Protein backbone atom coordinates (compact mmCIF):
# COMPACT_ATOMS: atom_id res chain seq x y z
CA UNK A 1 -21.56 -10.71 15.04
CA UNK A 2 -19.83 -13.03 12.58
CA UNK A 3 -16.51 -12.22 14.25
CA UNK A 4 -17.89 -13.36 17.62
CA UNK A 5 -19.39 -16.54 16.18
CA UNK A 6 -16.09 -17.34 14.49
CA UNK A 7 -14.17 -16.92 17.75
CA UNK A 8 -16.66 -19.12 19.59
CA UNK A 9 -16.39 -21.75 16.87
CA UNK A 10 -12.59 -21.75 17.11
CA UNK A 11 -12.78 -22.15 20.91
CA UNK A 12 -15.20 -25.08 20.60
CA UNK A 13 -12.97 -26.72 18.01
CA UNK A 14 -9.94 -26.35 20.28
CA UNK A 15 -11.92 -27.80 23.18
CA UNK A 16 -12.78 -30.84 21.05
CA UNK A 17 -9.12 -31.26 20.07
CA UNK A 18 -8.00 -31.11 23.70
CA UNK A 19 -10.64 -33.64 24.74
CA UNK A 20 -9.57 -35.95 21.92
CA UNK A 21 -5.90 -35.71 22.90
CA UNK A 22 -6.72 -36.47 26.53
CA UNK A 23 -8.83 -39.46 25.52
CA UNK A 24 -6.22 -40.85 23.13
CA UNK A 25 -3.41 -40.44 25.65
CA UNK A 26 -4.81 -43.20 27.85
CA UNK A 27 -5.16 -45.56 24.91
CA UNK A 28 -1.77 -44.76 23.39
CA UNK A 29 0.11 -45.83 26.51
CA UNK A 30 1.67 -49.27 25.90
CA UNK A 31 -0.06 -52.05 27.80
CA UNK A 32 -3.48 -52.38 29.36
CA UNK A 33 -4.63 -49.04 30.85
CA UNK A 34 -6.45 -50.89 33.66
CA UNK A 35 -3.29 -52.79 34.61
CA UNK A 36 -1.25 -49.59 34.52
CA UNK A 37 -3.73 -47.84 36.80
CA UNK A 38 -3.79 -50.71 39.30
CA UNK A 39 -0.12 -51.71 39.28
CA UNK A 40 1.89 -50.60 42.31
CA UNK A 41 5.55 -51.14 43.04
CA UNK A 42 6.03 -53.44 40.05
CA UNK A 43 3.60 -56.01 41.49
CA UNK A 44 1.11 -57.42 39.00
CA UNK A 45 -2.48 -56.51 39.94
CA UNK A 46 -5.20 -59.04 40.60
CA UNK A 47 -6.77 -60.18 37.28
CA UNK A 48 -10.24 -59.91 38.79
CA UNK A 49 -9.62 -56.29 39.79
CA UNK A 50 -8.28 -55.55 36.32
CA UNK A 51 -11.37 -57.04 34.71
CA UNK A 52 -13.65 -55.05 37.02
CA UNK A 53 -11.82 -51.79 36.28
CA UNK A 54 -11.90 -52.45 32.54
CA UNK A 55 -15.65 -52.89 32.76
CA UNK A 56 -16.07 -49.72 34.83
CA UNK A 57 -14.00 -47.70 32.36
CA UNK A 58 -15.73 -49.26 29.38
CA UNK A 59 -12.46 -50.55 27.96
CA UNK A 60 -14.12 -53.73 26.72
CA UNK A 61 -16.01 -51.76 24.08
CA UNK A 62 -14.61 -50.76 20.65
CA UNK A 63 -12.43 -47.65 20.64
CA UNK A 64 -14.86 -45.57 18.58
CA UNK A 65 -17.70 -46.50 20.92
CA UNK A 66 -15.61 -45.45 23.93
CA UNK A 67 -14.74 -42.19 22.20
CA UNK A 68 -18.36 -41.45 21.38
CA UNK A 69 -19.49 -42.16 24.95
CA UNK A 70 -16.63 -40.01 26.26
CA UNK A 71 -17.71 -37.01 24.17
CA UNK A 72 -21.38 -37.60 24.95
CA UNK A 73 -20.59 -37.63 28.66
CA UNK A 74 -18.75 -34.33 28.33
CA UNK A 75 -21.74 -32.69 26.67
CA UNK A 76 -23.86 -33.80 29.65
CA UNK A 77 -21.27 -32.65 32.17
CA UNK A 78 -20.53 -36.23 33.19
CA UNK A 79 -16.82 -36.55 34.00
CA UNK A 80 -17.14 -39.94 35.61
CA UNK A 81 -16.57 -41.16 39.16
CA UNK A 82 -13.36 -41.17 41.16
CA UNK A 83 -11.74 -44.60 41.40
CA UNK A 84 -10.50 -43.83 44.91
CA UNK A 85 -13.49 -42.60 46.90
CA UNK A 86 -16.39 -43.29 44.46
CA UNK A 87 -17.17 -39.57 44.45
CA UNK A 88 -18.44 -37.88 41.26
CA UNK A 89 -15.58 -36.00 39.61
CA UNK A 90 -17.82 -33.08 38.65
CA UNK A 91 -18.94 -32.60 42.27
CA UNK A 92 -15.33 -32.54 43.47
CA UNK A 93 -14.38 -29.99 40.82
CA UNK A 94 -17.45 -27.87 41.60
CA UNK A 95 -16.35 -27.77 45.24
CA UNK A 96 -12.67 -27.00 44.62
CA UNK A 97 -12.63 -24.91 41.45
CA UNK A 98 -14.25 -21.73 42.89
CA UNK A 99 -11.51 -21.58 45.53
CA UNK A 100 -8.76 -21.81 42.92
CA UNK A 101 -10.48 -19.24 40.69
CA UNK A 102 -10.85 -16.91 43.66
CA UNK A 103 -7.13 -17.17 44.32
CA UNK A 104 -6.27 -16.55 40.66
CA UNK A 105 -8.61 -13.58 40.26
CA UNK A 106 -7.43 -12.01 43.53
CA UNK A 107 -3.81 -12.32 42.40
CA UNK A 108 -4.64 -11.00 38.93
CA UNK A 109 -6.52 -7.96 40.27
CA UNK A 110 -3.66 -7.21 42.66
CA UNK A 111 -1.11 -7.53 39.85
CA UNK A 112 -3.09 -5.29 37.47
CA UNK A 113 -3.71 -2.61 40.09
CA UNK A 114 0.01 -2.39 40.84
CA UNK A 115 1.67 -3.17 37.49
CA UNK A 116 -0.26 -1.09 34.94
CA UNK A 117 0.04 2.26 36.80
CA UNK A 118 3.66 1.46 37.69
CA UNK A 119 4.51 0.52 34.10
CA UNK A 120 2.84 3.65 32.76
CA UNK A 121 4.65 5.89 35.25
CA UNK A 122 7.98 4.23 34.50
CA UNK A 123 7.48 4.79 30.77
CA UNK A 124 6.56 8.44 31.27
CA UNK A 125 9.72 8.93 33.35
CA UNK A 126 12.02 6.67 31.39
CA UNK A 127 15.50 6.42 32.86
CA UNK A 128 14.46 8.00 36.15
CA UNK A 129 14.91 6.63 39.65
CA UNK A 130 11.48 5.01 39.77
CA UNK A 131 11.96 3.40 36.37
CA UNK A 132 15.27 1.85 37.40
CA UNK A 133 14.03 0.61 40.76
CA UNK A 134 10.77 -0.78 39.35
CA UNK A 135 12.50 -2.48 36.40
CA UNK A 136 15.07 -4.07 38.70
CA UNK A 137 12.35 -5.25 41.07
CA UNK A 138 10.39 -6.78 38.20
CA UNK A 139 13.46 -8.66 36.97
CA UNK A 140 14.10 -9.94 40.49
CA UNK A 141 10.50 -11.12 40.95
CA UNK A 142 10.62 -12.99 37.65
CA UNK A 143 13.74 -14.83 38.79
CA UNK A 144 12.36 -15.95 42.16
CA UNK A 145 10.16 -19.12 42.12
CA UNK A 146 6.67 -18.75 43.47
CA UNK A 147 7.17 -21.36 46.20
CA UNK A 148 10.16 -19.39 47.50
CA UNK A 149 8.05 -16.24 47.71
CA UNK A 150 5.32 -18.17 49.50
CA UNK A 151 7.74 -19.67 51.97
CA UNK A 152 9.33 -16.27 52.69
CA UNK A 153 5.90 -14.71 53.24
CA UNK A 154 5.00 -17.42 55.74
CA UNK A 155 8.37 -17.08 57.49
CA UNK A 156 8.24 -13.30 57.80
CA UNK A 157 4.58 -12.50 58.39
CA UNK A 158 3.41 -15.68 60.13
CA UNK A 159 6.48 -16.92 62.02
CA UNK A 160 8.52 -13.80 62.74
CA UNK A 161 6.04 -10.92 62.88
CA UNK A 162 3.02 -13.11 63.74
CA UNK A 163 0.59 -10.73 62.08
CA UNK A 164 -0.81 -13.15 59.51
CA UNK A 165 -1.93 -16.79 59.69
CA UNK A 166 0.42 -19.26 58.01
CA UNK A 167 -2.37 -20.76 55.91
CA UNK A 168 -5.72 -22.47 55.89
CA UNK A 169 -9.19 -21.75 54.63
CA UNK A 170 -12.42 -20.38 56.08
CA UNK A 171 -15.52 -19.93 53.90
CA UNK A 172 -16.38 -16.31 53.19
CA UNK A 173 -19.96 -16.77 54.41
CA UNK A 174 -18.70 -18.10 57.73
CA UNK A 175 -16.17 -15.36 58.50
CA UNK A 176 -15.53 -12.72 55.80
CA UNK A 177 -12.68 -11.03 57.66
CA UNK A 178 -10.80 -14.24 58.36
CA UNK A 179 -11.39 -15.40 54.79
CA UNK A 180 -9.80 -12.26 53.33
CA UNK A 181 -6.91 -12.49 55.77
CA UNK A 182 -6.17 -16.06 54.71
CA UNK A 183 -6.47 -15.04 51.06
CA UNK A 184 -3.99 -12.16 51.29
CA UNK A 185 -0.62 -13.95 51.28
CA UNK A 186 -1.51 -16.58 48.63
CA UNK A 187 -2.81 -13.79 46.39
CA UNK A 188 0.44 -11.85 46.80
CA UNK A 189 2.46 -14.97 45.95
CA UNK A 190 0.34 -15.53 42.84
CA UNK A 191 0.53 -11.87 41.83
CA UNK A 192 4.32 -11.45 42.03
CA UNK A 193 5.23 -13.04 38.70
CA UNK A 194 2.20 -11.73 36.83
CA UNK A 195 2.79 -8.21 38.12
CA UNK A 196 6.39 -8.29 36.89
CA UNK A 197 5.35 -9.44 33.40
CA UNK A 198 2.49 -6.95 33.12
CA UNK A 199 4.74 -4.12 34.35
CA UNK A 200 7.37 -4.80 31.71
CA UNK A 201 4.80 -5.16 28.92
CA UNK A 202 2.95 -2.00 30.00
CA UNK A 203 6.17 -0.01 30.10
CA UNK A 204 7.22 -1.21 26.64
CA UNK A 205 3.75 -0.65 25.14
CA UNK A 206 3.40 2.86 26.56
CA UNK A 207 6.87 3.79 25.28
CA UNK A 208 5.89 2.54 21.84
CA UNK A 209 2.58 4.43 21.91
CA UNK A 210 4.30 7.65 22.97
CA UNK A 211 6.41 7.55 19.82
CA UNK A 212 3.43 7.19 17.46
CA UNK A 213 2.38 9.94 15.08
CA UNK A 214 -1.20 10.09 16.38
CA UNK A 215 0.10 11.00 19.85
CA UNK A 216 2.24 13.81 18.47
CA UNK A 217 -0.72 15.01 16.41
CA UNK A 218 -2.99 15.02 19.46
CA UNK A 219 -0.44 17.05 21.38
CA UNK A 220 -0.06 19.49 18.48
CA UNK A 221 -3.83 20.06 18.50
CA UNK A 222 -3.57 21.27 22.09
CA UNK A 223 -5.36 18.35 23.71
CA UNK A 224 -4.62 18.17 27.42
CA UNK A 225 -1.77 15.81 28.44
CA UNK A 226 -4.11 13.80 30.66
CA UNK A 227 -6.56 13.18 27.83
CA UNK A 228 -3.74 12.28 25.45
CA UNK A 229 -2.40 9.80 27.97
CA UNK A 230 -5.76 8.17 28.71
CA UNK A 231 -7.43 8.26 25.29
CA UNK A 232 -4.49 7.81 22.95
CA UNK A 233 -1.58 6.27 24.84
CA UNK A 234 -2.90 3.93 27.52
CA UNK A 235 -5.89 2.70 25.52
CA UNK A 236 -3.71 1.66 22.57
CA UNK A 237 -1.02 0.26 24.85
CA UNK A 238 -3.44 -2.06 26.64
CA UNK A 239 -3.97 -4.45 23.71
CA UNK A 240 -0.59 -6.25 24.01
CA UNK A 241 -0.90 -6.07 27.79
CA UNK A 242 -4.21 -7.94 27.59
CA UNK A 243 -2.55 -10.57 25.42
CA UNK A 244 0.10 -11.25 28.04
CA UNK A 245 -2.46 -11.05 30.83
CA UNK A 246 -4.74 -13.60 29.18
CA UNK A 247 -1.91 -16.06 28.54
CA UNK A 248 -0.58 -15.81 32.08
CA UNK A 249 -4.02 -16.10 33.66
CA UNK A 250 -4.37 -19.39 31.80
CA UNK A 251 -1.00 -20.64 33.03
CA UNK A 252 -1.92 -19.64 36.57
CA UNK A 253 -4.62 -22.33 36.49
CA UNK A 254 -1.83 -24.89 36.58
CA UNK A 255 0.64 -22.75 38.50
CA UNK A 256 -1.42 -22.41 41.65
CA UNK A 257 -0.59 -25.97 42.74
CA UNK A 258 2.51 -24.96 44.70
CA UNK A 259 0.86 -21.88 46.18
CA UNK A 260 -2.14 -23.86 47.39
CA UNK A 261 0.19 -26.47 48.85
CA UNK A 262 2.36 -23.91 50.69
CA UNK A 263 -0.62 -22.07 52.17
CA UNK A 264 -2.84 -25.13 52.64
CA UNK A 265 -5.50 -23.59 50.39
CA UNK A 266 -8.03 -26.33 49.50
CA UNK A 267 -8.30 -25.70 45.77
CA UNK A 268 -7.77 -27.91 42.74
CA UNK A 269 -4.23 -28.89 43.68
CA UNK A 270 -5.29 -31.26 46.46
CA UNK A 271 -7.48 -33.60 44.34
CA UNK A 272 -5.07 -33.31 41.39
CA UNK A 273 -2.00 -34.37 43.36
CA UNK A 274 -3.95 -37.09 45.13
CA UNK A 275 -5.38 -38.36 41.83
CA UNK A 276 -1.97 -38.47 40.15
CA UNK A 277 -0.46 -40.33 43.10
CA UNK A 278 -3.35 -42.80 43.26
CA UNK A 279 -3.61 -43.06 39.44
CA UNK A 280 -7.22 -41.97 39.61
CA UNK A 281 -7.75 -41.66 35.84
CA UNK A 282 -11.26 -40.12 35.81
CA UNK A 283 -10.26 -37.44 38.33
CA UNK A 284 -7.06 -36.52 36.47
CA UNK A 285 -8.89 -36.36 33.12
CA UNK A 286 -11.70 -34.28 34.63
CA UNK A 287 -9.33 -31.75 36.17
CA UNK A 288 -7.17 -31.51 33.03
CA UNK A 289 -10.22 -30.92 30.85
CA UNK A 290 -11.56 -28.32 33.28
CA UNK A 291 -8.28 -26.40 33.30
CA UNK A 292 -8.06 -26.58 29.50
CA UNK A 293 -11.64 -25.37 29.10
CA UNK A 294 -11.06 -22.44 31.43
CA UNK A 295 -7.90 -21.53 29.54
CA UNK A 296 -9.91 -21.38 26.31
CA UNK A 297 -12.65 -19.37 28.01
CA UNK A 298 -10.15 -16.84 29.31
CA UNK A 299 -8.68 -16.40 25.84
CA UNK A 300 -12.16 -15.92 24.38
CA UNK A 301 -12.87 -13.21 26.96
CA UNK A 302 -9.55 -11.55 26.07
CA UNK A 303 -10.58 -11.57 22.39
CA UNK A 304 -13.77 -9.73 23.34
CA UNK A 305 -11.76 -7.18 25.30
CA UNK A 306 -9.45 -6.68 22.30
CA UNK A 307 -12.48 -5.89 20.16
CA UNK A 308 -13.76 -3.41 22.75
CA UNK A 309 -10.41 -1.59 22.83
CA UNK A 310 -9.77 -1.75 19.07
CA UNK A 311 -12.89 -2.11 16.86
CA UNK A 312 -10.66 -2.84 13.84
CA UNK A 313 -10.13 -6.34 15.22
CA UNK A 314 -13.80 -7.18 14.57
CA UNK A 315 -13.22 -6.93 10.85
CA UNK A 316 -10.07 -9.09 10.91
């Protein structure tokens, strides 16, 4: 119990640090933040517009007061209002975030289903034909950028074979079949890099586990090979795999921007790119904080999975 509370406390402390860094970044930029947000093409903005924006952002108040209101707003779930369309930032994120998370989880599930069995099989048949082909394929996938994979998928399956739509989005409730069809190619593009990393880590972890004394002891006791593999090899090999999986799932939160753009998937990338281009400070801050918070949440979940696989971690 204390282990769990300590992990939660660390995650909350990290969330506070991230929020503080994001807040201070705006105020550390040389010059007036309101003028920076409104300036375009080197032309000085209208002083009246600058004064209005400063009032809207609360920049006229002391820095500590602004910081306190910023943190208080976060505790209430108030991320402010977009400067472009006057739309609440939280509402925009609530609309877009589930679509991005769906894409990430679909790619992660696809990567895990393919990579862990493949990595285990490659380790069990080290140096064989499958091991060589799979290892070479993983190295190739790691070298190819995700936008190239996405473009090739569109070219082959949408333009040449015409068996898949090039992109778009249809809500699942409106048309489940069409929704899953549109999800397929973006999920594959997301999964390619993660699958390669998980495959290589699984292969290395299983090879390490196979050389351990407890595995040789289990075999000497006459335990069936399948039980040795499942109970003693794979279970102990999954801990480092989960570490890599958790880290890469977090990075996928920011890495889906290109995939969503290529496949016209209306996730978080659209408001983020639009906000950066329009210098919509509240929207950018809201999205950055959301991505950071999800990254911390994913790592907390991975910590819980570590403890489930290896109870010794709870006493660490």
